[in-house]
Amino acid sequence: MITVLFYCTGKSGQEAPLRDLLAEMQAVSRDEDRAVTYTFMQEKDDPGSWALFEQWRDKAHLDAHVANMKRRFGEPPPGARLPARMHALVERSSYRFYDLV
C-alpha cells in the first residue's frame, strides 16, 4: 500500500475553479483509477489551501493514475509535475509518500 499526502495552495481568486477541478479529479481517481482512498480537503480557515489523502494498492496503480491524470487534465508544462489544468490554478504544491505502520 502506498499513501500520498499532497498539499496545494490555489492562486488568488481561483478558489471556485480549483474546487470544481479537484472534485472532478477526485471522481476520476475513485471511479476510473480505482484509488483505495482519494479525498481532497479544503482548509477551514484558509479556503485557498487544500490537502489530498490518497492511497494506492501498489506502485503500478499509482503510476497508472498519474498517466491517466496527464491524459485527462493535460501534460504538465516543462519542469512542472501537476497536470496542465491544475498547474494553471495552483500557486504552490508539495507531496510526500508514506508506508503504513
N, C-alpha and C. Protein backbone atom coordinates (compact mmCIF):
# COMPACT_ATOMS: atom_id res chain seq x y z
N MET A 1 0.86 -1.17 0.00
CA MET A 1 0.00 0.00 0.00
C MET A 1 0.90 1.23 0.00
N ILE A 2 0.59 2.19 -0.86
CA ILE A 2 1.30 3.45 -0.91
C ILE A 2 0.34 4.56 -0.51
N THR A 3 0.77 5.39 0.44
CA THR A 3 -0.03 6.53 0.88
C THR A 3 0.69 7.80 0.48
N VAL A 4 -0.07 8.74 -0.08
CA VAL A 4 0.48 10.02 -0.50
C VAL A 4 -0.32 11.12 0.18
N LEU A 5 0.40 12.09 0.75
CA LEU A 5 -0.22 13.31 1.25
C LEU A 5 0.24 14.44 0.34
N PHE A 6 -0.72 15.13 -0.26
CA PHE A 6 -0.45 16.20 -1.22
C PHE A 6 -1.07 17.48 -0.68
N TYR A 7 -0.34 18.57 -0.79
CA TYR A 7 -0.83 19.86 -0.35
C TYR A 7 -0.70 20.86 -1.48
N CYS A 8 -1.68 21.75 -1.62
CA CYS A 8 -1.55 22.80 -2.62
C CYS A 8 -2.27 24.06 -2.15
N THR A 9 -1.80 25.17 -2.69
CA THR A 9 -2.41 26.46 -2.45
C THR A 9 -2.81 27.02 -3.81
N GLY A 10 -4.08 27.36 -3.93
CA GLY A 10 -4.58 27.90 -5.19
C GLY A 10 -4.17 29.34 -5.38
N LYS A 11 -4.15 29.75 -6.64
CA LYS A 11 -3.88 31.15 -6.95
C LYS A 11 -5.04 32.00 -6.45
N SER A 12 -4.74 33.21 -6.05
CA SER A 12 -5.74 34.13 -5.53
C SER A 12 -6.87 34.32 -6.55
N GLY A 13 -8.10 34.22 -6.06
CA GLY A 13 -9.28 34.39 -6.91
C GLY A 13 -9.68 33.17 -7.70
N GLN A 14 -8.94 32.06 -7.54
CA GLN A 14 -9.21 30.84 -8.31
C GLN A 14 -9.83 29.73 -7.45
N GLU A 15 -10.37 30.09 -6.29
CA GLU A 15 -10.89 29.07 -5.37
C GLU A 15 -12.01 28.24 -6.01
N ALA A 16 -12.97 28.88 -6.64
CA ALA A 16 -14.10 28.14 -7.22
C ALA A 16 -13.67 27.24 -8.38
N PRO A 17 -12.90 27.74 -9.36
CA PRO A 17 -12.46 26.85 -10.44
C PRO A 17 -11.59 25.70 -9.93
N LEU A 18 -10.75 25.99 -8.93
CA LEU A 18 -9.90 24.93 -8.39
C LEU A 18 -10.75 23.89 -7.68
N ARG A 19 -11.73 24.33 -6.91
CA ARG A 19 -12.62 23.39 -6.21
C ARG A 19 -13.33 22.48 -7.21
N ASP A 20 -13.83 23.05 -8.30
CA ASP A 20 -14.50 22.25 -9.34
C ASP A 20 -13.55 21.24 -9.96
N LEU A 21 -12.33 21.68 -10.26
CA LEU A 21 -11.34 20.77 -10.87
C LEU A 21 -10.98 19.65 -9.91
N LEU A 22 -10.73 19.98 -8.64
CA LEU A 22 -10.36 18.95 -7.67
C LEU A 22 -11.49 17.94 -7.47
N ALA A 23 -12.74 18.40 -7.49
CA ALA A 23 -13.87 17.47 -7.39
C ALA A 23 -13.90 16.54 -8.60
N GLU A 24 -13.63 17.08 -9.77
CA GLU A 24 -13.59 16.25 -10.99
C GLU A 24 -12.44 15.24 -10.91
N MET A 25 -11.27 15.69 -10.48
CA MET A 25 -10.12 14.80 -10.36
C MET A 25 -10.40 13.70 -9.32
N GLN A 26 -11.05 14.06 -8.25
CA GLN A 26 -11.40 13.10 -7.21
C GLN A 26 -12.32 12.01 -7.78
N ALA A 27 -13.33 12.41 -8.53
CA ALA A 27 -14.27 11.44 -9.12
C ALA A 27 -13.55 10.50 -10.08
N VAL A 28 -12.69 11.05 -10.92
CA VAL A 28 -11.94 10.22 -11.88
C VAL A 28 -11.05 9.24 -11.14
N SER A 29 -10.36 9.72 -10.11
CA SER A 29 -9.43 8.87 -9.37
C SER A 29 -10.14 7.73 -8.67
N ARG A 30 -11.31 8.01 -8.14
CA ARG A 30 -12.06 6.96 -7.45
C ARG A 30 -12.70 5.98 -8.44
N ASP A 31 -13.31 6.52 -9.50
CA ASP A 31 -14.08 5.68 -10.43
C ASP A 31 -13.21 4.96 -11.46
N GLU A 32 -12.35 5.71 -12.15
CA GLU A 32 -11.55 5.12 -13.22
C GLU A 32 -10.27 4.48 -12.72
N ASP A 33 -9.58 5.18 -11.84
CA ASP A 33 -8.26 4.72 -11.41
C ASP A 33 -8.31 3.75 -10.24
N ARG A 34 -9.50 3.62 -9.63
CA ARG A 34 -9.71 2.66 -8.54
C ARG A 34 -8.79 2.91 -7.34
N ALA A 35 -8.69 4.18 -6.94
CA ALA A 35 -7.91 4.51 -5.75
C ALA A 35 -8.54 3.82 -4.53
N VAL A 36 -7.72 3.38 -3.61
CA VAL A 36 -8.23 2.84 -2.36
C VAL A 36 -8.89 3.98 -1.59
N THR A 37 -8.19 5.11 -1.53
CA THR A 37 -8.70 6.34 -0.91
C THR A 37 -8.18 7.50 -1.73
N TYR A 38 -9.04 8.48 -1.98
CA TYR A 38 -8.63 9.68 -2.73
C TYR A 38 -9.58 10.78 -2.33
N THR A 39 -9.18 11.60 -1.36
CA THR A 39 -10.07 12.62 -0.81
C THR A 39 -9.36 13.96 -0.69
N PHE A 40 -9.88 14.95 -1.41
CA PHE A 40 -9.41 16.32 -1.27
C PHE A 40 -10.14 16.97 -0.10
N MET A 41 -9.41 17.81 0.64
CA MET A 41 -10.00 18.54 1.77
C MET A 41 -9.58 19.99 1.66
N GLN A 42 -10.54 20.89 1.84
CA GLN A 42 -10.26 22.32 1.81
C GLN A 42 -10.04 22.80 3.25
N GLU A 43 -8.97 23.56 3.47
CA GLU A 43 -8.68 24.05 4.81
C GLU A 43 -9.78 24.98 5.29
N LYS A 44 -10.24 24.75 6.49
CA LYS A 44 -11.37 25.50 7.05
C LYS A 44 -11.09 27.00 7.17
N ASP A 45 -9.91 27.36 7.65
CA ASP A 45 -9.59 28.76 7.88
C ASP A 45 -8.89 29.45 6.71
N ASP A 46 -8.58 28.68 5.68
CA ASP A 46 -7.91 29.24 4.50
C ASP A 46 -8.44 28.53 3.27
N PRO A 47 -9.52 29.04 2.64
CA PRO A 47 -10.17 28.34 1.54
C PRO A 47 -9.30 28.16 0.30
N GLY A 48 -8.14 28.81 0.26
CA GLY A 48 -7.24 28.62 -0.87
C GLY A 48 -6.27 27.47 -0.68
N SER A 49 -6.29 26.84 0.50
CA SER A 49 -5.36 25.75 0.81
C SER A 49 -6.10 24.41 0.83
N TRP A 50 -5.45 23.42 0.23
CA TRP A 50 -6.04 22.09 0.07
C TRP A 50 -5.08 21.01 0.49
N ALA A 51 -5.61 19.89 0.93
CA ALA A 51 -4.84 18.69 1.21
C ALA A 51 -5.53 17.53 0.51
N LEU A 52 -4.74 16.57 0.10
CA LEU A 52 -5.25 15.35 -0.53
C LEU A 52 -4.65 14.16 0.21
N PHE A 53 -5.52 13.24 0.62
CA PHE A 53 -5.10 11.97 1.21
C PHE A 53 -5.43 10.90 0.19
N GLU A 54 -4.39 10.24 -0.33
CA GLU A 54 -4.63 9.20 -1.33
C GLU A 54 -3.86 7.94 -0.99
N GLN A 55 -4.47 6.80 -1.31
CA GLN A 55 -3.83 5.50 -1.10
C GLN A 55 -4.02 4.64 -2.34
N TRP A 56 -2.94 3.89 -2.66
CA TRP A 56 -2.92 3.03 -3.84
C TRP A 56 -2.44 1.64 -3.43
N ARG A 57 -2.97 0.64 -4.11
CA ARG A 57 -2.60 -0.75 -3.79
C ARG A 57 -1.10 -0.98 -3.95
N ASP A 58 -0.52 -0.39 -5.00
CA ASP A 58 0.90 -0.58 -5.27
C ASP A 58 1.37 0.49 -6.25
N LYS A 59 2.66 0.46 -6.58
CA LYS A 59 3.24 1.46 -7.47
C LYS A 59 2.63 1.42 -8.86
N ALA A 60 2.29 0.24 -9.34
CA ALA A 60 1.68 0.13 -10.68
C ALA A 60 0.36 0.89 -10.75
N HIS A 61 -0.47 0.79 -9.71
CA HIS A 61 -1.74 1.53 -9.68
C HIS A 61 -1.49 3.04 -9.60
N LEU A 62 -0.51 3.45 -8.81
CA LEU A 62 -0.18 4.87 -8.70
C LEU A 62 0.34 5.39 -10.04
N ASP A 63 1.22 4.64 -10.69
CA ASP A 63 1.76 5.06 -11.98
C ASP A 63 0.66 5.18 -13.04
N ALA A 64 -0.29 4.25 -13.04
CA ALA A 64 -1.41 4.31 -13.98
C ALA A 64 -2.27 5.54 -13.71
N HIS A 65 -2.46 5.86 -12.45
CA HIS A 65 -3.23 7.05 -12.07
C HIS A 65 -2.54 8.32 -12.59
N VAL A 66 -1.24 8.43 -12.37
CA VAL A 66 -0.50 9.61 -12.82
C VAL A 66 -0.62 9.76 -14.33
N ALA A 67 -0.47 8.67 -15.06
CA ALA A 67 -0.59 8.71 -16.53
C ALA A 67 -2.00 9.14 -16.94
N ASN A 68 -3.01 8.63 -16.26
CA ASN A 68 -4.39 8.99 -16.58
C ASN A 68 -4.65 10.47 -16.29
N MET A 69 -4.12 10.99 -15.18
CA MET A 69 -4.31 12.41 -14.85
C MET A 69 -3.70 13.30 -15.94
N LYS A 70 -2.54 12.92 -16.44
CA LYS A 70 -1.90 13.69 -17.51
C LYS A 70 -2.73 13.63 -18.80
N ARG A 71 -3.27 12.47 -19.11
CA ARG A 71 -4.12 12.32 -20.31
C ARG A 71 -5.37 13.16 -20.20
N ARG A 72 -6.04 13.07 -19.07
CA ARG A 72 -7.34 13.74 -18.90
C ARG A 72 -7.24 15.23 -18.64
N PHE A 73 -6.20 15.66 -17.94
CA PHE A 73 -6.12 17.04 -17.49
C PHE A 73 -4.93 17.81 -18.07
N GLY A 74 -4.24 17.23 -19.03
CA GLY A 74 -3.18 17.92 -19.74
C GLY A 74 -1.78 17.60 -19.24
N GLU A 75 -0.89 17.44 -20.19
CA GLU A 75 0.53 17.21 -19.86
C GLU A 75 1.05 18.41 -19.06
N PRO A 76 1.83 18.16 -18.04
CA PRO A 76 2.41 19.28 -17.27
C PRO A 76 3.30 20.15 -18.15
N PRO A 77 3.33 21.43 -17.88
CA PRO A 77 4.27 22.30 -18.60
C PRO A 77 5.71 21.85 -18.30
N PRO A 78 6.66 22.23 -19.14
CA PRO A 78 8.06 21.84 -18.89
C PRO A 78 8.50 22.21 -17.47
N GLY A 79 9.11 21.24 -16.80
CA GLY A 79 9.61 21.46 -15.45
C GLY A 79 8.56 21.35 -14.35
N ALA A 80 7.29 21.16 -14.71
CA ALA A 80 6.22 21.05 -13.72
C ALA A 80 5.80 19.59 -13.55
N ARG A 81 5.10 19.31 -12.47
CA ARG A 81 4.61 17.95 -12.21
C ARG A 81 3.10 17.84 -12.28
N LEU A 82 2.40 18.94 -12.02
CA LEU A 82 0.94 18.90 -11.99
C LEU A 82 0.38 18.91 -13.40
N PRO A 83 -0.74 18.21 -13.61
CA PRO A 83 -1.41 18.30 -14.91
C PRO A 83 -1.69 19.76 -15.27
N ALA A 84 -1.68 20.07 -16.56
CA ALA A 84 -1.77 21.45 -17.04
C ALA A 84 -2.94 22.23 -16.45
N ARG A 85 -4.13 21.63 -16.42
CA ARG A 85 -5.30 22.35 -15.90
C ARG A 85 -5.13 22.71 -14.43
N MET A 86 -4.52 21.82 -13.68
CA MET A 86 -4.30 22.07 -12.26
C MET A 86 -3.17 23.08 -12.07
N HIS A 87 -2.12 22.92 -12.84
CA HIS A 87 -0.97 23.81 -12.76
C HIS A 87 -1.40 25.28 -12.96
N ALA A 88 -2.35 25.51 -13.83
CA ALA A 88 -2.81 26.86 -14.13
C ALA A 88 -3.52 27.51 -12.94
N LEU A 89 -4.02 26.71 -12.01
CA LEU A 89 -4.80 27.22 -10.88
C LEU A 89 -4.07 27.19 -9.54
N VAL A 90 -2.90 26.55 -9.51
CA VAL A 90 -2.19 26.32 -8.25
C VAL A 90 -0.92 27.18 -8.17
N GLU A 91 -0.77 27.84 -7.04
CA GLU A 91 0.41 28.68 -6.79
C GLU A 91 1.60 27.84 -6.35
N ARG A 92 1.36 26.90 -5.43
CA ARG A 92 2.44 26.02 -4.96
C ARG A 92 1.85 24.69 -4.49
N SER A 93 2.72 23.68 -4.51
CA SER A 93 2.26 22.35 -4.08
C SER A 93 3.45 21.54 -3.58
N SER A 94 3.12 20.51 -2.81
CA SER A 94 4.13 19.57 -2.33
C SER A 94 3.45 18.25 -2.01
N TYR A 95 4.22 17.20 -1.99
CA TYR A 95 3.67 15.89 -1.63
C TYR A 95 4.76 15.03 -1.01
N ARG A 96 4.30 14.04 -0.24
CA ARG A 96 5.18 13.08 0.40
C ARG A 96 4.56 11.71 0.33
N PHE A 97 5.42 10.69 0.24
CA PHE A 97 4.99 9.30 0.19
C PHE A 97 5.22 8.64 1.54
N TYR A 98 4.29 7.78 1.94
CA TYR A 98 4.35 7.11 3.23
C TYR A 98 4.06 5.62 3.10
N ASP A 99 4.65 4.84 3.99
CA ASP A 99 4.32 3.43 4.16
C ASP A 99 3.47 3.30 5.40
N LEU A 100 2.53 2.37 5.39
CA LEU A 100 1.71 2.13 6.57
C LEU A 100 2.52 1.41 7.64
N VAL A 101 2.19 1.67 8.89
CA VAL A 101 2.87 1.03 10.01
C VAL A 101 2.08 -0.21 10.38
